PDB file of N, CA and C in Angstrom:
ATOM      1  N   MET A   1     -45.893  31.848  31.342  1.00  0.00           N
ATOM      2  CA  MET A   1     -44.438  31.583  31.373  1.00  0.00           C
ATOM      3  C   MET A   1     -43.716  32.626  32.238  1.00  0.00           C
ATOM      4  N   LYS A   2     -44.258  33.831  32.273  1.00  0.00           N
ATOM      5  CA  LYS A   2     -43.640  34.868  33.102  1.00  0.00           C
ATOM      6  C   LYS A   2     -43.690  34.463  34.572  1.00  0.00           C
ATOM      7  N   PHE A   3     -44.810  33.864  34.984  1.00  0.00           N
ATOM      8  CA  PHE A   3     -44.941  33.419  36.380  1.00  0.00           C
ATOM      9  C   PHE A   3     -43.908  32.375  36.725  1.00  0.00           C
ATOM     10  N   ILE A   4     -43.663  31.462  35.793  1.00  0.00           N
ATOM     11  CA  ILE A   4     -42.679  30.410  36.036  1.00  0.00           C
ATOM     12  C   ILE A   4     -41.297  30.987  36.221  1.00  0.00           C
ATOM     13  N   LEU A   5     -40.945  31.968  35.422  1.00  0.00           N
ATOM     14  CA  LEU A   5     -39.624  32.628  35.553  1.00  0.00           C
ATOM     15  C   LEU A   5     -39.520  33.317  36.885  1.00  0.00           C
ATOM     16  N   ILE A   6     -40.529  34.055  37.282  1.00  0.00           N
ATOM     17  CA  ILE A   6     -40.521  34.728  38.562  1.00  0.00           C
ATOM     18  C   ILE A   6     -40.415  33.727  39.714  1.00  0.00           C
ATOM     19  N   TRP A   7     -41.142  32.613  39.595  1.00  0.00           N
ATOM     20  CA  TRP A   7     -41.109  31.567  40.606  1.00  0.00           C
ATOM     21  C   TRP A   7     -39.693  31.038  40.797  1.00  0.00           C
ATOM     22  N   TYR A   8     -39.057  30.673  39.672  1.00  0.00           N
ATOM     23  CA  TYR A   8     -37.698  30.101  39.768  1.00  0.00           C
ATOM     24  C   TYR A   8     -36.677  31.096  40.324  1.00  0.00           C
ATOM     25  N   ILE A   9     -36.799  32.336  39.938  1.00  0.00           N
ATOM     26  CA  ILE A   9     -35.882  33.333  40.494  1.00  0.00           C
ATOM     27  C   ILE A   9     -36.088  33.479  41.979  1.00  0.00           C
ATOM     28  N   ALA A  10     -37.345  33.597  42.429  1.00  0.00           N
ATOM     29  CA  ALA A  10     -37.626  33.775  43.855  1.00  0.00           C
ATOM     30  C   ALA A  10     -37.219  32.575  44.687  1.00  0.00           C
ATOM     31  N   VAL A  11     -37.560  31.362  44.238  1.00  0.00           N
ATOM     32  CA  VAL A  11     -37.292  30.176  45.044  1.00  0.00           C
ATOM     33  C   VAL A  11     -35.767  29.914  45.091  1.00  0.00           C
ATOM     34  N   ASN A  12     -35.044  30.254  44.053  1.00  0.00           N
ATOM     35  CA  ASN A  12     -33.589  30.084  44.078  1.00  0.00           C
ATOM     36  C   ASN A  12     -32.925  31.075  45.028  1.00  0.00           C
ATOM     37  N   ILE A  13     -33.411  32.281  45.059  1.00  0.00           N
ATOM     38  CA  ILE A  13     -32.892  33.291  45.996  1.00  0.00           C
ATOM     39  C   ILE A  13     -33.186  32.832  47.434  1.00  0.00           C
ATOM     40  N   ILE A  14     -34.404  32.337  47.647  1.00  0.00           N
ATOM     41  CA  ILE A  14     -34.775  31.858  49.003  1.00  0.00           C
ATOM     42  C   ILE A  14     -33.906  30.659  49.410  1.00  0.00           C
ATOM     43  N   SER A  15     -33.670  29.748  48.501  1.00  0.00           N
ATOM     44  CA  SER A  15     -32.817  28.591  48.809  1.00  0.00           C
ATOM     45  C   SER A  15     -31.416  29.010  49.196  1.00  0.00           C
ATOM     46  N   LEU A  16     -30.836  29.923  48.436  1.00  0.00           N
ATOM     47  CA  LEU A  16     -29.492  30.463  48.718  1.00  0.00           C
ATOM     48  C   LEU A  16     -29.480  31.057  50.100  1.00  0.00           C
ATOM     49  N   ILE A  17     -30.472  31.871  50.412  1.00  0.00           N
ATOM     50  CA  ILE A  17     -30.515  32.536  51.719  1.00  0.00           C
ATOM     51  C   ILE A  17     -30.690  31.502  52.831  1.00  0.00           C
ATOM     52  N   LEU A  18     -31.533  30.485  52.638  1.00  0.00           N
ATOM     53  CA  LEU A  18     -31.714  29.448  53.627  1.00  0.00           C
ATOM     54  C   LEU A  18     -30.404  28.737  53.959  1.00  0.00           C
ATOM     55  N   PHE A  19     -29.642  28.395  52.931  1.00  0.00           N
ATOM     56  CA  PHE A  19     -28.353  27.735  53.166  1.00  0.00           C
ATOM     57  C   PHE A  19     -27.408  28.679  53.914  1.00  0.00           C
ATOM     58  N   GLY A  20     -27.417  29.955  53.590  1.00  0.00           N
ATOM     59  CA  GLY A  20     -26.577  30.905  54.301  1.00  0.00           C
ATOM     60  C   GLY A  20     -26.959  31.049  55.754  1.00  0.00           C
ATOM     61  N   ILE A  21     -28.278  31.120  56.032  1.00  0.00           N
ATOM     62  CA  ILE A  21     -28.746  31.247  57.397  1.00  0.00           C
ATOM     63  C   ILE A  21     -28.383  30.000  58.201  1.00  0.00           C
ATOM     64  N   ASP A  22     -28.587  28.843  57.593  1.00  0.00           N
ATOM     65  CA  ASP A  22     -28.302  27.582  58.303  1.00  0.00           C
ATOM     66  C   ASP A  22     -26.805  27.485  58.612  1.00  0.00           C
ATOM     67  N   LYS A  23     -25.952  27.880  57.713  1.00  0.00           N
ATOM     68  CA  LYS A  23     -24.508  27.850  57.962  1.00  0.00           C
ATOM     69  C   LYS A  23     -24.161  28.812  59.104  1.00  0.00           C
ATOM     70  N   TYR A  24     -24.731  29.987  59.037  1.00  0.00           N
ATOM     71  CA  TYR A  24     -24.500  30.994  60.079  1.00  0.00           C
ATOM     72  C   TYR A  24     -24.861  30.436  61.446  1.00  0.00           C
ATOM     73  N   LYS A  25     -26.033  29.797  61.526  1.00  0.00           N
ATOM     74  CA  LYS A  25     -26.492  29.251  62.782  1.00  0.00           C
ATOM     75  C   LYS A  25     -25.690  28.049  63.211  1.00  0.00           C
ATOM     76  N   ALA A  26     -25.219  27.246  62.236  1.00  0.00           N
ATOM     77  CA  ALA A  26     -24.393  26.070  62.570  1.00  0.00           C
ATOM     78  C   ALA A  26     -23.094  26.511  63.225  1.00  0.00           C
ATOM     79  N   VAL A  27     -22.469  27.536  62.701  1.00  0.00           N
ATOM     80  CA  VAL A  27     -21.199  28.029  63.239  1.00  0.00           C
ATOM     81  C   VAL A  27     -21.396  28.535  64.649  1.00  0.00           C
ATOM     82  N   ARG A  28     -22.555  29.128  64.933  1.00  0.00           N
ATOM     83  CA  ARG A  28     -22.828  29.707  66.255  1.00  0.00           C
ATOM     84  C   ARG A  28     -23.565  28.717  67.182  1.00  0.00           C
ATOM     85  N   GLN A  29     -23.731  27.485  66.729  1.00  0.00           N
ATOM     86  CA  GLN A  29     -24.388  26.428  67.504  1.00  0.00           C
ATOM     87  C   GLN A  29     -25.761  26.871  68.014  1.00  0.00           C
ATOM     88  N   LYS A  30     -26.555  27.421  67.093  1.00  0.00           N
ATOM     89  CA  LYS A  30     -27.922  27.839  67.377  1.00  0.00           C
ATOM     90  C   LYS A  30     -28.900  26.952  66.690  1.00  0.00           C
ATOM     91  N   TRP A  31     -30.173  27.219  66.875  1.00  0.00           N
ATOM     92  CA  TRP A  31     -31.247  26.468  66.239  1.00  0.00           C
ATOM     93  C   TRP A  31     -31.020  26.445  64.742  1.00  0.00           C
ATOM     94  N   ARG A  32     -31.242  25.259  64.109  1.00  0.00           N
ATOM     95  CA  ARG A  32     -30.943  25.054  62.696  1.00  0.00           C
ATOM     96  C   ARG A  32     -32.192  24.884  61.874  1.00  0.00           C
ATOM     97  N   ILE A  33     -32.070  25.129  60.599  1.00  0.00           N
ATOM     98  CA  ILE A  33     -33.112  24.845  59.641  1.00  0.00           C
ATOM     99  C   ILE A  33     -33.067  23.340  59.355  1.00  0.00           C
ATOM    100  N   PRO A  34     -34.185  22.647  59.463  1.00  0.00           N
ATOM    101  CA  PRO A  34     -34.187  21.181  59.218  1.00  0.00           C
ATOM    102  C   PRO A  34     -33.697  20.868  57.795  1.00  0.00           C
ATOM    103  N   GLU A  35     -32.919  19.780  57.667  1.00  0.00           N
ATOM    104  CA  GLU A  35     -32.445  19.345  56.378  1.00  0.00           C
ATOM    105  C   GLU A  35     -33.583  19.134  55.403  1.00  0.00           C
ATOM    106  N   ARG A  36     -34.659  18.644  55.907  1.00  0.00           N
ATOM    107  CA  ARG A  36     -35.854  18.418  55.064  1.00  0.00           C
ATOM    108  C   ARG A  36     -36.327  19.718  54.406  1.00  0.00           C
ATOM    109  N   SER A  37     -36.245  20.815  55.129  1.00  0.00           N
ATOM    110  CA  SER A  37     -36.693  22.113  54.595  1.00  0.00           C
ATOM    111  C   SER A  37     -35.677  22.599  53.533  1.00  0.00           C
ATOM    112  N   LEU A  38     -34.415  22.394  53.788  1.00  0.00           N
ATOM    113  CA  LEU A  38     -33.397  22.792  52.815  1.00  0.00           C
ATOM    114  C   LEU A  38     -33.576  22.009  51.505  1.00  0.00           C
ATOM    115  N   LEU A  39     -33.808  20.713  51.604  1.00  0.00           N
ATOM    116  CA  LEU A  39     -34.018  19.886  50.425  1.00  0.00           C
ATOM    117  C   LEU A  39     -35.349  20.235  49.752  1.00  0.00           C
ATOM    118  N   LEU A  40     -36.370  20.507  50.520  1.00  0.00           N
ATOM    119  CA  LEU A  40     -37.670  20.908  49.937  1.00  0.00           C
ATOM    120  C   LEU A  40     -37.506  22.173  49.098  1.00  0.00           C
ATOM    121  N   SER A  41     -36.742  23.110  49.575  1.00  0.00           N
ATOM    122  CA  SER A  41     -36.532  24.342  48.806  1.00  0.00           C
ATOM    123  C   SER A  41     -35.866  24.033  47.468  1.00  0.00           C
ATOM    124  N   ALA A  42     -34.982  23.061  47.460  1.00  0.00           N
ATOM    125  CA  ALA A  42     -34.314  22.668  46.214  1.00  0.00           C
ATOM    126  C   ALA A  42     -35.345  22.019  45.260  1.00  0.00           C
ATOM    127  N   PHE A  43     -36.177  21.131  45.807  1.00  0.00           N
ATOM    128  CA  PHE A  43     -37.125  20.391  44.944  1.00  0.00           C
ATOM    129  C   PHE A  43     -38.319  21.236  44.542  1.00  0.00           C
ATOM    130  N   LEU A  44     -38.522  22.386  45.170  1.00  0.00           N
ATOM    131  CA  LEU A  44     -39.578  23.283  44.740  1.00  0.00           C
ATOM    132  C   LEU A  44     -39.101  24.197  43.586  1.00  0.00           C
ATOM    133  N   GLY A  45     -37.864  23.972  43.161  1.00  0.00           N
ATOM    134  CA  GLY A  45     -37.328  24.757  42.058  1.00  0.00           C
ATOM    135  C   GLY A  45     -36.090  25.521  42.389  1.00  0.00           C
ATOM    136  N   GLY A  46     -35.656  25.451  43.628  1.00  0.00           N
ATOM    137  CA  GLY A  46     -34.475  26.220  44.066  1.00  0.00           C
ATOM    138  C   GLY A  46     -33.181  25.452  44.072  1.00  0.00           C
ATOM    139  N   GLY A  47     -33.056  24.463  43.220  1.00  0.00           N
ATOM    140  CA  GLY A  47     -31.869  23.633  43.183  1.00  0.00           C
ATOM    141  C   GLY A  47     -30.593  24.402  42.879  1.00  0.00           C
ATOM    142  N   ILE A  48     -30.678  25.355  41.956  1.00  0.00           N
ATOM    143  CA  ILE A  48     -29.485  26.129  41.604  1.00  0.00           C
ATOM    144  C   ILE A  48     -29.078  27.039  42.772  1.00  0.00           C
ATOM    145  N   GLY A  49     -30.058  27.632  43.431  1.00  0.00           N
ATOM    146  CA  GLY A  49     -29.780  28.433  44.622  1.00  0.00           C
ATOM    147  C   GLY A  49     -29.192  27.582  45.743  1.00  0.00           C
ATOM    148  N   ALA A  50     -29.737  26.361  45.899  1.00  0.00           N
ATOM    149  CA  ALA A  50     -29.229  25.450  46.923  1.00  0.00           C
ATOM    150  C   ALA A  50     -27.800  25.050  46.625  1.00  0.00           C
ATOM    151  N   LEU A  51     -27.516  24.718  45.383  1.00  0.00           N
ATOM    152  CA  LEU A  51     -26.172  24.325  45.013  1.00  0.00           C
ATOM    153  C   LEU A  51     -25.178  25.506  45.188  1.00  0.00           C
ATOM    154  N   ALA A  52     -25.662  26.692  44.822  1.00  0.00           N
ATOM    155  CA  ALA A  52     -24.843  27.895  45.030  1.00  0.00           C
ATOM    156  C   ALA A  52     -24.580  28.109  46.536  1.00  0.00           C
ATOM    157  N   GLY A  53     -25.623  27.911  47.348  1.00  0.00           N
ATOM    158  CA  GLY A  53     -25.456  28.062  48.784  1.00  0.00           C
ATOM    159  C   GLY A  53     -24.479  27.027  49.359  1.00  0.00           C
ATOM    160  N   MET A  54     -24.563  25.818  48.865  1.00  0.00           N
ATOM    161  CA  MET A  54     -23.651  24.761  49.309  1.00  0.00           C
ATOM    162  C   MET A  54     -22.205  25.151  48.962  1.00  0.00           C
ATOM    163  N   THR A  55     -22.019  25.721  47.804  1.00  0.00           N
ATOM    164  CA  THR A  55     -20.690  26.085  47.309  1.00  0.00           C
ATOM    165  C   THR A  55     -20.167  27.310  48.008  1.00  0.00           C
ATOM    166  N   ILE A  56     -20.977  28.388  47.997  1.00  0.00           N
ATOM    167  CA  ILE A  56     -20.520  29.664  48.553  1.00  0.00           C
ATOM    168  C   ILE A  56     -20.250  29.541  50.058  1.00  0.00           C
ATOM    169  N   PHE A  57     -21.178  28.931  50.786  1.00  0.00           N
ATOM    170  CA  PHE A  57     -21.058  28.856  52.232  1.00  0.00           C
ATOM    171  C   PHE A  57     -20.348  27.591  52.716  1.00  0.00           C
ATOM    172  N   ARG A  58     -19.966  26.739  51.765  1.00  0.00           N
ATOM    173  CA  ARG A  58     -19.335  25.462  52.091  1.00  0.00           C
ATOM    174  C   ARG A  58     -20.138  24.717  53.156  1.00  0.00           C
ATOM    175  N   HIS A  59     -21.418  24.573  52.844  1.00  0.00           N
ATOM    176  CA  HIS A  59     -22.366  24.016  53.808  1.00  0.00           C
ATOM    177  C   HIS A  59     -23.058  22.806  53.183  1.00  0.00           C
ATOM    178  N   LYS A  60     -23.062  21.705  53.933  1.00  0.00           N
ATOM    179  CA  LYS A  60     -23.681  20.433  53.559  1.00  0.00           C
ATOM    180  C   LYS A  60     -22.968  19.782  52.361  1.00  0.00           C
ATOM    181  N   ILE A  61     -21.737  20.178  52.106  1.00  0.00           N
ATOM    182  CA  ILE A  61     -21.032  19.633  50.950  1.00  0.00           C
ATOM    183  C   ILE A  61     -20.508  18.223  51.171  1.00  0.00           C
ATOM    184  N   ARG A  62     -20.407  17.779  52.409  1.00  0.00           N
ATOM    185  CA  ARG A  62     -19.927  16.448  52.689  1.00  0.00           C
ATOM    186  C   ARG A  62     -21.059  15.425  52.845  1.00  0.00           C
ATOM    187  N   LYS A  63     -22.262  15.913  52.956  1.00  0.00           N
ATOM    188  CA  LYS A  63     -23.416  15.031  53.145  1.00  0.00           C
ATOM    189  C   LYS A  63     -23.842  14.416  51.828  1.00  0.00           C
ATOM    190  N   ALA A  64     -23.796  13.086  51.781  1.00  0.00           N
ATOM    191  CA  ALA A  64     -24.143  12.386  50.517  1.00  0.00           C
ATOM    192  C   ALA A  64     -25.579  12.741  50.071  1.00  0.00           C
ATOM    193  N   LYS A  65     -26.462  12.876  51.028  1.00  0.00           N
ATOM    194  CA  LYS A  65     -27.846  13.181  50.718  1.00  0.00           C
ATOM    195  C   LYS A  65     -27.932  14.467  49.874  1.00  0.00           C
ATOM    196  N   PHE A  66     -27.165  15.452  50.248  1.00  0.00           N
ATOM    197  CA  PHE A  66     -27.207  16.742  49.564  1.00  0.00           C
ATOM    198  C   PHE A  66     -26.419  16.698  48.250  1.00  0.00           C
ATOM    199  N   LYS A  67     -25.291  15.955  48.248  1.00  0.00           N
ATOM    200  CA  LYS A  67     -24.518  15.842  47.027  1.00  0.00           C
ATOM    201  C   LYS A  67     -25.283  15.127  45.906  1.00  0.00           C
ATOM    202  N   ILE A  68     -26.236  14.296  46.290  1.00  0.00           N
ATOM    203  CA  ILE A  68     -27.038  13.562  45.292  1.00  0.00           C
ATOM    204  C   ILE A  68     -28.378  14.283  44.991  1.00  0.00           C
ATOM    205  N   LEU A  69     -29.075  14.648  46.027  1.00  0.00           N
ATOM    206  CA  LEU A  69     -30.415  15.167  45.836  1.00  0.00           C
ATOM    207  C   LEU A  69     -30.496  16.590  45.253  1.00  0.00           C
ATOM    208  N   VAL A  70     -29.576  17.449  45.623  1.00  0.00           N
ATOM    209  CA  VAL A  70     -29.619  18.807  45.090  1.00  0.00           C
ATOM    210  C   VAL A  70     -29.349  18.820  43.565  1.00  0.00           C
ATOM    211  N   PRO A  71     -28.279  18.147  43.061  1.00  0.00           N
ATOM    212  CA  PRO A  71     -28.153  18.096  41.607  1.00  0.00           C
ATOM    213  C   PRO A  71     -29.327  17.373  40.939  1.00  0.00           C
ATOM    214  N   LEU A  72     -29.869  16.357  41.579  1.00  0.00           N
ATOM    215  CA  LEU A  72     -31.039  15.670  41.014  1.00  0.00           C
ATOM    216  C   LEU A  72     -32.198  16.628  40.884  1.00  0.00           C
ATOM    217  N   SER A  73     -32.404  17.490  41.860  1.00  0.00           N
ATOM    218  CA  SER A  73     -33.518  18.474  41.762  1.00  0.00           C
ATOM    219  C   SER A  73     -33.301  19.410  40.602  1.00  0.00           C
ATOM    220  N   ILE A  74     -32.059  19.777  40.321  1.00  0.00           N
ATOM    221  CA  ILE A  74     -31.762  20.650  39.169  1.00  0.00           C
ATOM    222  C   ILE A  74     -32.105  19.931  37.876  1.00  0.00           C
ATOM    223  N   ILE A  75     -31.677  18.695  37.746  1.00  0.00           N
ATOM    224  CA  ILE A  75     -31.940  17.912  36.548  1.00  0.00           C
ATOM    225  C   ILE A  75     -33.430  17.738  36.324  1.00  0.00           C
ATOM    226  N   LEU A  76     -34.204  17.434  37.403  1.00  0.00           N
ATOM    227  CA  LEU A  76     -35.625  17.266  37.290  1.00  0.00           C
ATOM    228  C   LEU A  76     -36.306  18.535  36.822  1.00  0.00           C
ATOM    229  N   HIS A  77     -35.908  19.651  37.365  1.00  0.00           N
ATOM    230  CA  HIS A  77     -36.547  20.916  36.987  1.00  0.00           C
ATOM    231  C   HIS A  77     -36.137  21.360  35.583  1.00  0.00           C
ATOM    232  N   LEU A  78     -34.924  21.075  35.196  1.00  0.00           N
ATOM    233  CA  LEU A  78     -34.549  21.372  33.800  1.00  0.00           C
ATOM    234  C   LEU A  78     -35.388  20.556  32.833  1.00  0.00           C
ATOM    235  N   ALA A  79     -35.591  19.275  33.152  1.00  0.00           N
ATOM    236  CA  ALA A  79     -36.430  18.430  32.301  1.00  0.00           C
ATOM    237  C   ALA A  79     -37.856  18.985  32.269  1.00  0.00           C
ATOM    238  N   LEU A  80     -38.367  19.423  33.379  1.00  0.00           N
ATOM    239  CA  LEU A  80     -39.701  19.987  33.431  1.00  0.00           C
ATOM    240  C   LEU A  80     -39.818  21.264  32.603  1.00  0.00           C
ATOM    241  N   ILE A  81     -38.812  22.091  32.684  1.00  0.00           N
ATOM    242  CA  ILE A  81     -38.798  23.344  31.911  1.00  0.00           C
ATOM    243  C   ILE A  81     -38.780  23.031  30.408  1.00  0.00           C
ATOM    244  N   ILE A  82     -37.940  22.067  30.032  1.00  0.00           N
ATOM    245  CA  ILE A  82     -37.869  21.675  28.615  1.00  0.00           C
ATOM    246  C   ILE A  82     -39.216  21.171  28.131  1.00  0.00           C
ATOM    247  N   LEU A  83     -39.860  20.321  28.930  1.00  0.00           N
ATOM    248  CA  LEU A  83     -41.159  19.802  28.564  1.00  0.00           C
ATOM    249  C   LEU A  83     -42.225  20.917  28.447  1.00  0.00           C
ATOM    250  N   LEU A  84     -42.158  21.881  29.345  1.00  0.00           N
ATOM    251  CA  LEU A  84     -43.113  22.978  29.270  1.00  0.00           C
ATOM    252  C   LEU A  84     -42.900  23.831  28.046  1.00  0.00           C
ATOM    253  N   PHE A  85     -41.646  24.121  27.730  1.00  0.00           N
ATOM    254  CA  PHE A  85     -41.343  24.939  26.554  1.00  0.00           C
ATOM    255  C   PHE A  85     -41.769  24.227  25.277  1.00  0.00           C
ATOM    256  N   ARG A  86     -41.532  22.938  25.190  1.00  0.00           N
ATOM    257  CA  ARG A  86     -41.960  22.162  24.022  1.00  0.00           C
ATOM    258  C   ARG A  86     -43.462  22.160  23.872  1.00  0.00           C
ATOM    259  N   ARG A  87     -44.147  22.048  24.987  1.00  0.00           N
ATOM    260  CA  ARG A  87     -45.613  21.968  24.945  1.00  0.00           C
ATOM    261  C   ARG A  87     -46.236  23.289  24.557  1.00  0.00           C
ATOM    262  N   PHE A  88     -45.683  24.392  25.017  1.00  0.00           N
ATOM    263  CA  PHE A  88     -46.316  25.691  24.802  1.00  0.00           C
ATOM    264  C   PHE A  88     -45.705  26.493  23.675  1.00  0.00           C
ATOM    265  N   ASN A  89     -44.731  25.947  22.994  1.00  0.00           N
ATOM    266  CA  ASN A  89     -44.114  26.652  21.833  1.00  0.00           C
ATOM    267  C   ASN A  89     -44.350  25.927  20.570  1.00  0.00           C
TER     268      ASN A  89
END
């Protein structure tokens, strides 16, 4: 269970940073992080970091794909965590 906690902390920090970097690059019209990579970071467990990045950096907040899929990733991972805790407790 300790590994799972460390994983979620790390992947959420990485997701937040990815959204920040992408916003920085978008403003400067430079090479961007693919949307697929941003969403993948959310679905690997970084949904909360992704949502925080969307909010803090005001990035991808108008895109329906992100407004739907990022919260969905959070819901899916919360369900997974609940299932894991029930199984191992």
